[in-house]
Amino acid sequence: MSQLRRLWIFVFVALAIGITVIKGNVRYEIRTDKEEYSVGETVHASFVIVNRLPFPVPTSAITFMDFGCTLNGKPTGAGHSAHITPTGRTIFLKPGEEALLTPVKIFANESGELKIYVRIEGPDRESTYTKTVTINP
């Protein structure tokens, strides 16, 4: 095998491994201040993008976000939709950066399962994220 061919194989494998490592360490998350609440408490939820790598990472900008929730399968009315105008197609996250994209407060007025969802769109993606918390009597 020629050295040039070996070099191309090495470069391809290194890029594939690098992309996999970056995708696994830069992610979107829905966070809440607790996993269980009591009726009458306020659920503080937020949607963040997290760079767990020790170097800056580019990621596609978000152009639309829909944040909402259901309690026992019924919409709660909390949340919002927003069209976002980014400054470019790509944003750069600093090493270890956690960027808050949107906070929301939900009043837990009955017991059951509270399901929080966020749907995002961007030039290169459309994804939905969910998190479920328990509301105890």
C-alpha atoms as a PDB file:
ATOM      1  CA  MET A   1       0.000   0.000   0.000  1.00  0.00           C
ATOM      2  CA  SER A   2       1.397   3.364  -0.935  1.00  0.00           C
ATOM      3  CA  GLN A   3       2.197   5.899   1.767  1.00  0.00           C
ATOM      4  CA  LEU A   4      -0.223   8.414   0.267  1.00  0.00           C
ATOM      5  CA  ARG A   5      -3.083   5.919   0.512  1.00  0.00           C
ATOM      6  CA  ARG A   6      -2.167   5.111   4.139  1.00  0.00           C
ATOM      7  CA  LEU A   7      -2.125   8.830   4.906  1.00  0.00           C
ATOM      8  CA  TRP A   8      -5.620   9.296   3.425  1.00  0.00           C
ATOM      9  CA  ILE A   9      -6.965   6.348   5.425  1.00  0.00           C
ATOM     10  CA  PHE A  10      -5.406   7.770   8.607  1.00  0.00           C
ATOM     11  CA  VAL A  11      -6.907  11.227   7.939  1.00  0.00           C
ATOM     12  CA  PHE A  12     -10.358   9.752   7.245  1.00  0.00           C
ATOM     13  CA  VAL A  13     -10.330   7.611  10.417  1.00  0.00           C
ATOM     14  CA  ALA A  14      -9.053  10.540  12.531  1.00  0.00           C
ATOM     15  CA  LEU A  15     -11.828  12.817  11.218  1.00  0.00           C
ATOM     16  CA  ALA A  16     -14.502  10.177  11.844  1.00  0.00           C
ATOM     17  CA  ILE A  17     -13.289   9.649  15.414  1.00  0.00           C
ATOM     18  CA  GLY A  18     -13.017  13.413  15.986  1.00  0.00           C
ATOM     19  CA  ILE A  19     -16.569  14.093  14.779  1.00  0.00           C
ATOM     20  CA  THR A  20     -17.916  11.282  16.986  1.00  0.00           C
ATOM     21  CA  VAL A  21     -16.086  12.637  20.050  1.00  0.00           C
ATOM     22  CA  ILE A  22     -17.354  16.191  19.423  1.00  0.00           C
ATOM     23  CA  LYS A  23     -20.981  15.106  18.865  1.00  0.00           C
ATOM     24  CA  GLY A  24     -20.930  13.089  22.092  1.00  0.00           C
ATOM     25  CA  ASN A  25     -19.516  15.954  24.152  1.00  0.00           C
ATOM     26  CA  VAL A  26     -21.530  18.882  22.786  1.00  0.00           C
ATOM     27  CA  ARG A  27     -25.175  18.403  23.579  1.00  0.00           C
ATOM     28  CA  TYR A  28     -28.469  20.039  24.376  1.00  0.00           C
ATOM     29  CA  GLU A  29     -30.098  19.297  27.735  1.00  0.00           C
ATOM     30  CA  ILE A  30     -33.292  20.134  29.580  1.00  0.00           C
ATOM     31  CA  ARG A  31     -32.461  20.760  33.226  1.00  0.00           C
ATOM     32  CA  THR A  32     -34.700  21.115  36.246  1.00  0.00           C
ATOM     33  CA  ASP A  33     -33.767  22.150  39.766  1.00  0.00           C
ATOM     34  CA  LYS A  34     -35.167  18.820  41.111  1.00  0.00           C
ATOM     35  CA  GLU A  35     -36.467  15.481  39.818  1.00  0.00           C
ATOM     36  CA  GLU A  36     -39.531  15.382  42.105  1.00  0.00           C
ATOM     37  CA  TYR A  37     -41.851  18.160  43.245  1.00  0.00           C
ATOM     38  CA  SER A  38     -44.928  18.529  45.418  1.00  0.00           C
ATOM     39  CA  VAL A  39     -48.239  20.062  44.322  1.00  0.00           C
ATOM     40  CA  GLY A  40     -47.973  23.841  44.759  1.00  0.00           C
ATOM     41  CA  GLU A  41     -44.249  24.049  43.988  1.00  0.00           C
ATOM     42  CA  THR A  42     -42.767  25.832  40.990  1.00  0.00           C
ATOM     43  CA  VAL A  43     -40.686  23.761  38.562  1.00  0.00           C
ATOM     44  CA  HIS A  44     -37.683  25.738  37.306  1.00  0.00           C
ATOM     45  CA  ALA A  45     -36.610  24.298  33.957  1.00  0.00           C
ATOM     46  CA  SER A  46     -34.027  25.476  31.459  1.00  0.00           C
ATOM     47  CA  PHE A  47     -32.692  24.414  28.080  1.00  0.00           C
ATOM     48  CA  VAL A  48     -28.910  24.586  27.715  1.00  0.00           C
ATOM     49  CA  ILE A  49     -26.220  23.659  25.234  1.00  0.00           C
ATOM     50  CA  VAL A  50     -23.123  22.186  26.842  1.00  0.00           C
ATOM     51  CA  ASN A  51     -19.554  21.841  25.548  1.00  0.00           C
ATOM     52  CA  ARG A  52     -17.812  19.181  27.665  1.00  0.00           C
ATOM     53  CA  LEU A  53     -14.600  19.378  25.656  1.00  0.00           C
ATOM     54  CA  PRO A  54     -11.405  21.236  26.654  1.00  0.00           C
ATOM     55  CA  PHE A  55     -11.344  23.224  23.385  1.00  0.00           C
ATOM     56  CA  PRO A  56     -13.730  25.542  21.475  1.00  0.00           C
ATOM     57  CA  VAL A  57     -16.292  23.750  19.324  1.00  0.00           C
ATOM     58  CA  PRO A  58     -18.446  25.046  16.452  1.00  0.00           C
ATOM     59  CA  THR A  59     -22.105  24.023  16.349  1.00  0.00           C
ATOM     60  CA  SER A  60     -25.005  24.951  14.079  1.00  0.00           C
ATOM     61  CA  ALA A  61     -27.067  27.950  15.118  1.00  0.00           C
ATOM     62  CA  ILE A  62     -30.709  27.500  16.133  1.00  0.00           C
ATOM     63  CA  THR A  63     -33.316  29.411  14.109  1.00  0.00           C
ATOM     64  CA  PHE A  64     -36.526  28.211  15.825  1.00  0.00           C
ATOM     65  CA  MET A  65     -37.329  26.884  19.313  1.00  0.00           C
ATOM     66  CA  ASP A  66     -40.599  25.582  20.762  1.00  0.00           C
ATOM     67  CA  PHE A  67     -40.614  25.020  24.553  1.00  0.00           C
ATOM     68  CA  GLY A  68     -43.635  23.604  26.351  1.00  0.00           C
ATOM     69  CA  CYS A  69     -44.954  20.966  28.710  1.00  0.00           C
ATOM     70  CA  THR A  70     -47.837  18.688  29.581  1.00  0.00           C
ATOM     71  CA  LEU A  71     -49.098  17.538  32.986  1.00  0.00           C
ATOM     72  CA  ASN A  72     -50.771  14.124  32.854  1.00  0.00           C
ATOM     73  CA  GLY A  73     -50.994  14.503  29.076  1.00  0.00           C
ATOM     74  CA  LYS A  74     -52.733  17.907  29.144  1.00  0.00           C
ATOM     75  CA  PRO A  75     -50.960  21.118  27.995  1.00  0.00           C
ATOM     76  CA  THR A  76     -50.097  23.388  30.931  1.00  0.00           C
ATOM     77  CA  GLY A  77     -49.943  26.642  28.989  1.00  0.00           C
ATOM     78  CA  ALA A  78     -46.357  27.233  30.149  1.00  0.00           C
ATOM     79  CA  GLY A  79     -43.717  27.711  27.472  1.00  0.00           C
ATOM     80  CA  HIS A  80     -43.275  29.621  24.258  1.00  0.00           C
ATOM     81  CA  SER A  81     -42.203  29.485  20.622  1.00  0.00           C
ATOM     82  CA  ALA A  82     -39.566  31.776  19.176  1.00  0.00           C
ATOM     83  CA  HIS A  83     -37.998  32.466  15.797  1.00  0.00           C
ATOM     84  CA  ILE A  84     -34.349  33.260  16.411  1.00  0.00           C
ATOM     85  CA  THR A  85     -32.107  35.325  14.147  1.00  0.00           C
ATOM     86  CA  PRO A  86     -28.552  34.135  14.727  1.00  0.00           C
ATOM     87  CA  THR A  87     -25.574  36.222  13.646  1.00  0.00           C
ATOM     88  CA  GLY A  88     -24.346  33.348  11.472  1.00  0.00           C
ATOM     89  CA  ARG A  89     -24.873  29.677  10.616  1.00  0.00           C
ATOM     90  CA  THR A  90     -22.421  28.581  13.309  1.00  0.00           C
ATOM     91  CA  ILE A  91     -21.843  29.461  16.943  1.00  0.00           C
ATOM     92  CA  PHE A  92     -18.668  28.660  18.854  1.00  0.00           C
ATOM     93  CA  LEU A  93     -18.799  27.287  22.372  1.00  0.00           C
ATOM     94  CA  LYS A  94     -15.834  27.929  24.643  1.00  0.00           C
ATOM     95  CA  PRO A  95     -14.194  25.017  26.487  1.00  0.00           C
ATOM     96  CA  GLY A  96     -16.541  23.810  29.222  1.00  0.00           C
ATOM     97  CA  GLU A  97     -19.163  26.438  28.322  1.00  0.00           C
ATOM     98  CA  GLU A  98     -22.828  25.957  29.201  1.00  0.00           C
ATOM     99  CA  ALA A  99     -25.027  28.395  27.299  1.00  0.00           C
ATOM    100  CA  LEU A 100     -28.523  28.989  28.694  1.00  0.00           C
ATOM    101  CA  LEU A 101     -30.960  29.084  25.789  1.00  0.00           C
ATOM    102  CA  THR A 102     -34.240  29.576  27.634  1.00  0.00           C
ATOM    103  CA  PRO A 103     -35.543  29.379  31.215  1.00  0.00           C
ATOM    104  CA  VAL A 104     -39.180  28.632  32.087  1.00  0.00           C
ATOM    105  CA  LYS A 105     -41.215  28.321  35.307  1.00  0.00           C
ATOM    106  CA  ILE A 106     -44.105  25.868  35.584  1.00  0.00           C
ATOM    107  CA  PHE A 107     -46.542  25.874  38.501  1.00  0.00           C
ATOM    108  CA  ALA A 108     -47.373  22.308  39.578  1.00  0.00           C
ATOM    109  CA  ASN A 109     -51.088  22.537  40.403  1.00  0.00           C
ATOM    110  CA  GLU A 110     -51.836  18.780  40.465  1.00  0.00           C
ATOM    111  CA  SER A 111     -49.948  15.543  41.014  1.00  0.00           C
ATOM    112  CA  GLY A 112     -48.753  13.333  38.170  1.00  0.00           C
ATOM    113  CA  GLU A 113     -46.208  13.280  35.388  1.00  0.00           C
ATOM    114  CA  LEU A 114     -44.894  16.592  34.059  1.00  0.00           C
ATOM    115  CA  LYS A 115     -43.316  16.191  30.620  1.00  0.00           C
ATOM    116  CA  ILE A 116     -41.170  19.085  29.392  1.00  0.00           C
ATOM    117  CA  TYR A 117     -40.232  19.277  25.729  1.00  0.00           C
ATOM    118  CA  VAL A 118     -38.094  21.478  23.523  1.00  0.00           C
ATOM    119  CA  ARG A 119     -38.122  21.300  19.728  1.00  0.00           C
ATOM    120  CA  ILE A 120     -35.363  23.128  17.876  1.00  0.00           C
ATOM    121  CA  GLU A 121     -34.665  23.810  14.228  1.00  0.00           C
ATOM    122  CA  GLY A 122     -31.549  25.093  12.545  1.00  0.00           C
ATOM    123  CA  PRO A 123     -29.801  25.007   9.182  1.00  0.00           C
ATOM    124  CA  ASP A 124     -28.508  21.474   9.770  1.00  0.00           C
ATOM    125  CA  ARG A 125     -30.928  19.956  12.269  1.00  0.00           C
ATOM    126  CA  GLU A 126     -34.387  19.466  13.655  1.00  0.00           C
ATOM    127  CA  SER A 127     -34.486  17.784  17.054  1.00  0.00           C
ATOM    128  CA  THR A 128     -36.822  17.281  19.992  1.00  0.00           C
ATOM    129  CA  TYR A 129     -35.672  16.871  23.592  1.00  0.00           C
ATOM    130  CA  THR A 130     -37.826  15.761  26.524  1.00  0.00           C
ATOM    131  CA  LYS A 131     -37.555  15.427  30.282  1.00  0.00           C
ATOM    132  CA  THR A 132     -40.108  14.032  32.702  1.00  0.00           C
ATOM    133  CA  VAL A 133     -40.416  14.954  36.376  1.00  0.00           C
ATOM    134  CA  THR A 134     -42.825  13.686  39.019  1.00  0.00           C
ATOM    135  CA  ILE A 135     -45.323  15.875  40.875  1.00  0.00           C
ATOM    136  CA  ASN A 136     -46.250  14.229  44.188  1.00  0.00           C
ATOM    137  CA  PRO A 137     -49.531  14.928  46.049  1.00  0.00           C
END
